[in-house]
Amino acid sequence: EVNVSDRSRLLLLDDRAVAAAVREAVARIHGDYGAALCSSGFTVKYLNAHTGIVFLRLPKRSYRLLWSALPFISSIEARGQKVSCFLNCLHVGGTIRTCQKFLIQYNKQQLHRMLPKCKNPDEEQKVRRAILNCSVPGGNMEALGDEEDNDEEEEEEEE
């Protein structure tokens, strides 16, 4: 999860900017070894610029290097601007499917937290409807594409 003080700054982010910031942090913290591990098999599979949720895919053997470098990312250079932020690892999973399931549960929890903060009955009804609609559409998140998640050797990390 990418956390920023001004939520509108999230809209500046794109997958290439996040990937570059993560690669640079891993290389800075773990040197050439970390940079080499990050160069093979590392991709940003999903980025939601409205919520700040990012799925990072990398080989299972190198997820700890990436995880340990995340606290050292304080900004992301995107579209010629620096977006001050910090990254929070919400979940580490073995497949994209398990990360999707986690994200659905996480979103449900967030909606339940929003419920008491609703200002009027109409807003409350919209949140309740959103909670009821939390499911995996057609078994896949459409934004992730047609990629199969059979790779047990791959580690999925959601930040």
Protein backbone atom coordinates (compact mmCIF):
# COMPACT_ATOMS: atom_id res chain seq x y z
CA GLU A 1 0.00 0.00 0.00
CA VAL A 2 1.34 3.41 -0.97
CA ASN A 3 0.53 5.95 1.74
CA VAL A 4 0.57 9.68 0.98
CA SER A 5 -0.57 12.70 2.96
CA ASP A 6 -2.55 14.10 0.01
CA ARG A 7 -4.67 11.36 -1.62
CA SER A 8 -4.87 13.29 -4.91
CA ARG A 9 -1.10 12.77 -5.34
CA LEU A 10 -1.76 9.03 -5.78
CA LEU A 11 -3.18 9.77 -9.23
CA LEU A 12 0.30 10.80 -10.40
CA LEU A 13 1.66 7.28 -9.82
CA ASP A 14 2.11 4.72 -12.54
CA ASP A 15 3.54 1.20 -12.50
CA ARG A 16 6.88 2.21 -14.04
CA ALA A 17 7.49 4.87 -11.39
CA VAL A 18 6.70 2.47 -8.54
CA ALA A 19 8.89 -0.25 -10.06
CA ALA A 20 11.79 2.18 -10.51
CA ALA A 21 11.52 3.40 -6.90
CA VAL A 22 11.45 -0.16 -5.56
CA ARG A 23 14.38 -1.28 -7.74
CA GLU A 24 16.41 1.77 -6.69
CA ALA A 25 15.70 1.15 -2.98
CA VAL A 26 16.66 -2.53 -3.22
CA ALA A 27 19.87 -1.64 -5.08
CA ARG A 28 20.71 1.08 -2.53
CA ILE A 29 20.13 -1.19 0.48
CA HIS A 30 21.37 -4.55 -0.87
CA GLY A 31 23.86 -3.45 -3.52
CA ASP A 32 24.58 -5.29 -6.75
CA TYR A 33 23.20 -8.56 -5.38
CA GLY A 34 19.81 -7.00 -4.63
CA ALA A 35 19.77 -5.15 -7.94
CA ALA A 36 20.44 -8.40 -9.82
CA LEU A 37 17.67 -10.25 -8.00
CA CYS A 38 15.26 -7.38 -8.66
CA SER A 39 16.13 -7.28 -12.35
CA SER A 40 14.99 -10.84 -13.02
CA GLY A 41 11.32 -11.62 -12.58
CA PHE A 42 10.28 -8.42 -10.80
CA THR A 43 7.14 -6.67 -12.09
CA VAL A 44 4.35 -4.45 -10.86
CA LYS A 45 1.28 -6.59 -11.64
CA TYR A 46 -1.41 -4.20 -10.39
CA LEU A 47 -1.58 -0.58 -9.33
CA ASN A 48 -4.74 1.17 -8.23
CA ALA A 49 -3.93 4.87 -8.18
CA HIS A 50 -7.17 5.66 -6.35
CA THR A 51 -6.57 3.36 -3.36
CA GLY A 52 -2.77 3.13 -3.44
CA ILE A 53 -2.78 -0.69 -3.58
CA VAL A 54 0.10 -2.26 -5.49
CA PHE A 55 0.81 -5.93 -6.30
CA LEU A 56 4.50 -6.63 -6.79
CA ARG A 57 5.53 -9.93 -8.34
CA LEU A 58 9.00 -11.32 -7.80
CA PRO A 59 10.77 -14.65 -7.35
CA LYS A 60 10.09 -16.23 -3.99
CA ARG A 61 13.77 -16.34 -3.11
CA SER A 62 14.07 -12.54 -3.16
CA TYR A 63 10.92 -11.30 -1.42
CA ARG A 64 12.75 -10.66 1.87
CA LEU A 65 15.24 -8.34 0.16
CA LEU A 66 12.42 -6.32 -1.32
CA TRP A 67 10.45 -6.34 1.92
CA SER A 68 13.42 -5.06 3.90
CA ALA A 69 14.00 -2.21 1.42
CA LEU A 70 10.41 -0.88 1.46
CA PRO A 71 10.86 1.31 4.58
CA PHE A 72 13.62 3.21 2.79
CA ILE A 73 11.31 4.49 0.05
CA SER A 74 10.30 8.02 1.05
CA SER A 75 9.23 9.36 -2.35
CA ILE A 76 8.43 8.21 -5.85
CA GLU A 77 9.38 10.25 -8.92
CA ALA A 78 6.35 10.22 -11.23
CA ARG A 79 5.53 12.42 -14.21
CA GLY A 80 8.28 14.88 -13.34
CA GLN A 81 7.08 15.33 -9.74
CA LYS A 82 8.20 13.81 -6.48
CA VAL A 83 5.38 12.16 -4.55
CA SER A 84 6.29 11.93 -0.86
CA CYS A 85 5.08 8.60 0.46
CA PHE A 86 5.86 5.46 2.39
CA LEU A 87 5.06 1.87 1.47
CA ASN A 88 3.30 -0.48 3.84
CA CYS A 89 3.34 -4.24 3.19
CA LEU A 90 -0.17 -5.55 3.81
CA HIS A 91 0.25 -9.16 2.67
CA VAL A 92 2.74 -11.64 1.21
CA GLY A 93 1.17 -14.46 -0.79
CA GLY A 94 2.23 -17.30 -3.05
CA THR A 95 -0.05 -16.52 -5.99
CA ILE A 96 -1.97 -13.60 -7.44
CA ARG A 97 -5.17 -15.44 -6.52
CA THR A 98 -4.30 -15.46 -2.81
CA CYS A 99 -3.46 -11.78 -3.02
CA GLN A 100 -6.81 -11.11 -4.69
CA LYS A 101 -8.60 -12.94 -1.89
CA PHE A 102 -6.68 -10.97 0.72
CA LEU A 103 -7.48 -7.70 -1.04
CA ILE A 104 -11.21 -8.49 -1.05
CA GLN A 105 -11.14 -9.18 2.70
CA TYR A 106 -9.05 -6.06 3.32
CA ASN A 107 -11.48 -3.91 1.33
CA LYS A 108 -14.40 -5.38 3.30
CA GLN A 109 -12.66 -4.44 6.55
CA GLN A 110 -12.03 -0.93 5.29
CA LEU A 111 -15.70 -0.56 4.31
CA HIS A 112 -16.80 -1.80 7.75
CA ARG A 113 -14.56 0.87 9.29
CA MET A 114 -16.19 3.51 7.07
CA LEU A 115 -19.72 2.54 8.13
CA PRO A 116 -19.75 4.37 11.51
CA LYS A 117 -18.31 7.50 9.86
CA CYS A 118 -21.20 7.87 7.37
CA LYS A 119 -22.91 11.24 7.63
CA ASN A 120 -26.35 10.34 6.28
CA PRO A 121 -28.51 7.25 5.59
CA ASP A 122 -27.88 7.45 1.83
CA GLU A 123 -24.12 7.30 2.34
CA GLU A 124 -24.55 4.44 4.81
CA GLN A 125 -26.66 2.50 2.30
CA LYS A 126 -23.99 2.93 -0.40
CA VAL A 127 -21.30 1.56 1.93
CA ARG A 128 -23.53 -1.39 2.92
CA ARG A 129 -24.17 -2.14 -0.77
CA ALA A 130 -20.42 -2.02 -1.45
CA ILE A 131 -19.79 -4.49 1.40
CA LEU A 132 -22.35 -6.90 -0.06
CA ASN A 133 -20.81 -6.61 -3.52
CA CYS A 134 -17.29 -7.58 -2.40
CA SER A 135 -16.42 -10.65 -4.47
CA VAL A 136 -14.00 -11.74 -7.15
CA PRO A 137 -15.75 -10.95 -10.46
CA GLY A 138 -15.66 -14.02 -12.66
CA GLY A 139 -12.85 -15.49 -10.57
CA ASN A 140 -10.29 -12.91 -11.76
CA MET A 141 -9.49 -9.27 -11.20
CA GLU A 142 -9.90 -7.83 -14.69
CA ALA A 143 -7.09 -5.34 -14.19
CA LEU A 144 -4.59 -8.17 -13.72
CA GLY A 145 -5.14 -9.61 -17.16
CA ASP A 146 -5.22 -13.23 -18.21
CA GLU A 147 -2.05 -14.28 -16.37
CA GLU A 148 -2.35 -17.67 -14.71
CA ASP A 149 -1.25 -18.00 -11.11
CA ASN A 150 0.06 -21.57 -11.14
CA ASP A 151 3.65 -20.51 -10.38
CA GLU A 152 4.37 -21.88 -6.93
CA GLU A 153 7.98 -20.68 -7.34
CA GLU A 154 6.82 -17.08 -7.57
CA GLU A 155 6.01 -14.95 -4.53
CA GLU A 156 3.32 -12.30 -4.73
CA GLU A 157 3.69 -9.34 -2.45
CA GLU A 158 1.03 -6.75 -1.89
CA GLU A 159 2.12 -3.46 -0.49
